[in-house]
Amino acid sequence: MSTKFWVLRAIRVFTLVAILLFMVEILKGHDTQSALSFALLWSFIATAIFIATRLYHSSKGRHCALCNDTPDDKKAN
């Protein structure tokens, strides 16, 4: 998997987590600036952990069915 794949995956995860956390913080009644800073910080942390664990498991040859990044064995044979 190329660097482009990992960058796009990180951007996608970061964006989705940031939107979700921002919406939750707004629903909890926090002001917009506080909600945004909270969402961005924790999105960065969550994305870093997600990508690091995916890279680790990918380097060990383990694939994630949920992430759908498993190479298709039928194409390889």
N, C-alpha and C. Protein backbone atom coordinates (compact mmCIF):
# COMPACT_ATOMS: atom_id res chain seq x y z
N MET A 1 0.84 -1.17 0.00
CA MET A 1 0.00 0.00 0.00
C MET A 1 0.89 1.24 0.00
N SER A 2 0.55 2.15 -0.85
CA SER A 2 1.39 3.32 -1.06
C SER A 2 1.19 4.39 0.01
N THR A 3 2.05 5.36 -0.03
CA THR A 3 1.95 6.49 0.89
C THR A 3 0.66 7.25 0.64
N LYS A 4 0.26 7.37 -0.61
CA LYS A 4 -0.98 8.06 -0.95
C LYS A 4 -2.17 7.39 -0.26
N PHE A 5 -2.20 6.07 -0.25
CA PHE A 5 -3.26 5.32 0.41
C PHE A 5 -3.35 5.70 1.89
N TRP A 6 -2.20 5.72 2.58
CA TRP A 6 -2.19 6.02 4.01
C TRP A 6 -2.55 7.47 4.30
N VAL A 7 -2.11 8.39 3.46
CA VAL A 7 -2.45 9.80 3.64
C VAL A 7 -3.95 10.01 3.46
N LEU A 8 -4.52 9.43 2.42
CA LEU A 8 -5.95 9.55 2.19
C LEU A 8 -6.75 8.91 3.32
N ARG A 9 -6.30 7.77 3.80
CA ARG A 9 -6.98 7.12 4.91
C ARG A 9 -6.91 7.99 6.16
N ALA A 10 -5.76 8.58 6.44
CA ALA A 10 -5.61 9.44 7.62
C ALA A 10 -6.52 10.67 7.51
N ILE A 11 -6.58 11.27 6.34
CA ILE A 11 -7.45 12.43 6.15
C ILE A 11 -8.91 12.05 6.35
N ARG A 12 -9.30 10.92 5.81
CA ARG A 12 -10.69 10.47 5.95
C ARG A 12 -11.04 10.20 7.41
N VAL A 13 -10.18 9.49 8.12
CA VAL A 13 -10.42 9.18 9.53
C VAL A 13 -10.45 10.47 10.35
N PHE A 14 -9.47 11.34 10.14
CA PHE A 14 -9.41 12.59 10.88
C PHE A 14 -10.67 13.43 10.69
N THR A 15 -11.11 13.54 9.45
CA THR A 15 -12.29 14.35 9.14
C THR A 15 -13.54 13.79 9.79
N LEU A 16 -13.75 12.49 9.65
CA LEU A 16 -14.95 11.88 10.22
C LEU A 16 -14.97 11.97 11.75
N VAL A 17 -13.84 11.71 12.38
CA VAL A 17 -13.77 11.78 13.84
C VAL A 17 -13.95 13.22 14.31
N ALA A 18 -13.35 14.18 13.60
CA ALA A 18 -13.47 15.58 13.99
C ALA A 18 -14.92 16.06 13.90
N ILE A 19 -15.60 15.70 12.84
CA ILE A 19 -17.01 16.09 12.69
C ILE A 19 -17.86 15.47 13.79
N LEU A 20 -17.65 14.20 14.04
CA LEU A 20 -18.42 13.51 15.07
C LEU A 20 -18.18 14.13 16.45
N LEU A 21 -16.93 14.34 16.81
CA LEU A 21 -16.62 14.92 18.11
C LEU A 21 -17.12 16.36 18.23
N PHE A 22 -17.02 17.12 17.16
CA PHE A 22 -17.51 18.50 17.19
C PHE A 22 -19.02 18.53 17.42
N MET A 23 -19.74 17.66 16.72
CA MET A 23 -21.19 17.61 16.89
C MET A 23 -21.57 17.20 18.31
N VAL A 24 -20.87 16.24 18.87
CA VAL A 24 -21.14 15.80 20.23
C VAL A 24 -20.89 16.92 21.22
N GLU A 25 -19.79 17.63 21.05
CA GLU A 25 -19.48 18.73 21.96
C GLU A 25 -20.50 19.86 21.86
N ILE A 26 -20.95 20.16 20.67
CA ILE A 26 -21.98 21.19 20.49
C ILE A 26 -23.28 20.75 21.15
N LEU A 27 -23.64 19.48 20.96
CA LEU A 27 -24.87 18.96 21.59
C LEU A 27 -24.77 18.97 23.12
N LYS A 28 -23.57 18.85 23.64
CA LYS A 28 -23.37 18.90 25.08
C LYS A 28 -23.45 20.34 25.62
N GLY A 29 -23.52 21.32 24.73
CA GLY A 29 -23.68 22.71 25.14
C GLY A 29 -22.40 23.52 25.26
N HIS A 30 -21.29 22.99 24.75
CA HIS A 30 -20.03 23.74 24.81
C HIS A 30 -20.02 24.80 23.71
N ASP A 31 -19.25 25.87 23.95
CA ASP A 31 -19.18 26.91 22.93
C ASP A 31 -18.40 26.40 21.72
N THR A 32 -18.59 27.07 20.58
CA THR A 32 -18.05 26.60 19.31
C THR A 32 -16.53 26.50 19.32
N GLN A 33 -15.84 27.51 19.85
CA GLN A 33 -14.37 27.49 19.88
C GLN A 33 -13.84 26.33 20.71
N SER A 34 -14.43 26.12 21.86
CA SER A 34 -14.01 25.03 22.73
C SER A 34 -14.29 23.67 22.08
N ALA A 35 -15.46 23.54 21.46
CA ALA A 35 -15.83 22.30 20.80
C ALA A 35 -14.89 22.00 19.63
N LEU A 36 -14.54 23.03 18.88
CA LEU A 36 -13.65 22.84 17.73
C LEU A 36 -12.25 22.44 18.17
N SER A 37 -11.71 23.11 19.18
CA SER A 37 -10.36 22.76 19.64
C SER A 37 -10.33 21.35 20.23
N PHE A 38 -11.37 20.98 20.98
CA PHE A 38 -11.46 19.63 21.53
C PHE A 38 -11.51 18.60 20.40
N ALA A 39 -12.37 18.85 19.41
CA ALA A 39 -12.53 17.91 18.29
C ALA A 39 -11.25 17.74 17.50
N LEU A 40 -10.56 18.84 17.23
CA LEU A 40 -9.33 18.75 16.44
C LEU A 40 -8.21 18.03 17.20
N LEU A 41 -8.08 18.32 18.49
CA LEU A 41 -7.05 17.66 19.28
C LEU A 41 -7.28 16.15 19.35
N TRP A 42 -8.49 15.75 19.73
CA TRP A 42 -8.76 14.33 19.90
C TRP A 42 -8.87 13.59 18.56
N SER A 43 -9.21 14.29 17.51
CA SER A 43 -9.20 13.67 16.18
C SER A 43 -7.78 13.35 15.76
N PHE A 44 -6.87 14.28 16.04
CA PHE A 44 -5.47 14.04 15.72
C PHE A 44 -4.93 12.85 16.50
N ILE A 45 -5.23 12.79 17.78
CA ILE A 45 -4.77 11.68 18.63
C ILE A 45 -5.35 10.36 18.15
N ALA A 46 -6.66 10.32 17.90
CA ALA A 46 -7.32 9.09 17.46
C ALA A 46 -6.81 8.64 16.10
N THR A 47 -6.59 9.58 15.19
CA THR A 47 -6.09 9.24 13.86
C THR A 47 -4.67 8.69 13.94
N ALA A 48 -3.84 9.30 14.75
CA ALA A 48 -2.47 8.83 14.91
C ALA A 48 -2.44 7.40 15.45
N ILE A 49 -3.25 7.12 16.43
CA ILE A 49 -3.31 5.77 17.00
C ILE A 49 -3.84 4.78 15.97
N PHE A 50 -4.91 5.16 15.26
CA PHE A 50 -5.50 4.28 14.24
C PHE A 50 -4.49 3.94 13.15
N ILE A 51 -3.85 4.96 12.60
CA ILE A 51 -2.90 4.74 11.51
C ILE A 51 -1.69 3.95 12.00
N ALA A 52 -1.20 4.26 13.19
CA ALA A 52 -0.05 3.52 13.73
C ALA A 52 -0.37 2.04 13.91
N THR A 53 -1.54 1.74 14.44
CA THR A 53 -1.90 0.32 14.63
C THR A 53 -2.14 -0.36 13.29
N ARG A 54 -2.72 0.34 12.33
CA ARG A 54 -2.94 -0.27 11.01
C ARG A 54 -1.60 -0.52 10.32
N LEU A 55 -0.66 0.41 10.42
CA LEU A 55 0.65 0.20 9.82
C LEU A 55 1.37 -0.98 10.48
N TYR A 56 1.26 -1.08 11.80
CA TYR A 56 1.89 -2.18 12.52
C TYR A 56 1.31 -3.52 12.06
N HIS A 57 0.00 -3.62 12.06
CA HIS A 57 -0.63 -4.89 11.68
C HIS A 57 -0.43 -5.20 10.19
N SER A 58 -0.40 -4.17 9.38
CA SER A 58 -0.15 -4.37 7.96
C SER A 58 1.27 -4.89 7.73
N SER A 59 2.22 -4.37 8.49
CA SER A 59 3.61 -4.83 8.34
C SER A 59 3.78 -6.28 8.80
N LYS A 60 2.91 -6.74 9.68
CA LYS A 60 2.94 -8.12 10.15
C LYS A 60 2.13 -9.05 9.25
N GLY A 61 1.48 -8.49 8.23
CA GLY A 61 0.71 -9.30 7.29
C GLY A 61 -0.72 -9.55 7.75
N ARG A 62 -1.16 -8.88 8.80
CA ARG A 62 -2.54 -9.02 9.27
C ARG A 62 -3.37 -7.93 8.62
N HIS A 63 -4.56 -8.31 8.18
CA HIS A 63 -5.41 -7.36 7.48
C HIS A 63 -6.73 -7.19 8.21
N CYS A 64 -7.33 -6.05 8.01
CA CYS A 64 -8.57 -5.68 8.69
C CYS A 64 -9.74 -5.81 7.72
N ALA A 65 -10.67 -6.71 8.03
CA ALA A 65 -11.85 -6.88 7.18
C ALA A 65 -12.73 -5.65 7.23
N LEU A 66 -12.82 -5.01 8.40
CA LEU A 66 -13.64 -3.82 8.56
C LEU A 66 -13.08 -2.65 7.76
N CYS A 67 -11.75 -2.54 7.71
CA CYS A 67 -11.11 -1.44 6.98
C CYS A 67 -11.12 -1.69 5.47
N ASN A 68 -11.34 -2.92 5.08
CA ASN A 68 -11.40 -3.33 3.68
C ASN A 68 -10.09 -3.04 2.95
N ASP A 69 -8.97 -3.31 3.61
CA ASP A 69 -7.69 -3.12 2.94
C ASP A 69 -6.98 -4.45 2.72
N THR A 70 -7.73 -5.54 2.81
CA THR A 70 -7.17 -6.86 2.59
C THR A 70 -7.00 -7.09 1.09
N PRO A 71 -5.81 -7.48 0.66
CA PRO A 71 -5.62 -7.78 -0.76
C PRO A 71 -6.52 -8.95 -1.18
N ASP A 72 -7.04 -8.86 -2.36
CA ASP A 72 -7.91 -9.90 -2.88
C ASP A 72 -7.06 -11.09 -3.30
N ASP A 73 -7.20 -12.23 -2.60
CA ASP A 73 -6.41 -13.43 -2.89
C ASP A 73 -6.74 -13.99 -4.27
N LYS A 74 -7.95 -13.82 -4.74
CA LYS A 74 -8.34 -14.35 -6.03
C LYS A 74 -7.59 -13.67 -7.16
N LYS A 75 -7.29 -12.39 -7.00
CA LYS A 75 -6.54 -11.67 -8.02
C LYS A 75 -5.08 -12.10 -8.04
N ALA A 76 -4.54 -12.46 -6.86
CA ALA A 76 -3.14 -12.85 -6.76
C ALA A 76 -2.88 -14.20 -7.40
N ASN A 77 -3.86 -15.08 -7.36
CA ASN A 77 -3.67 -16.44 -7.89
C ASN A 77 -3.96 -16.53 -9.35
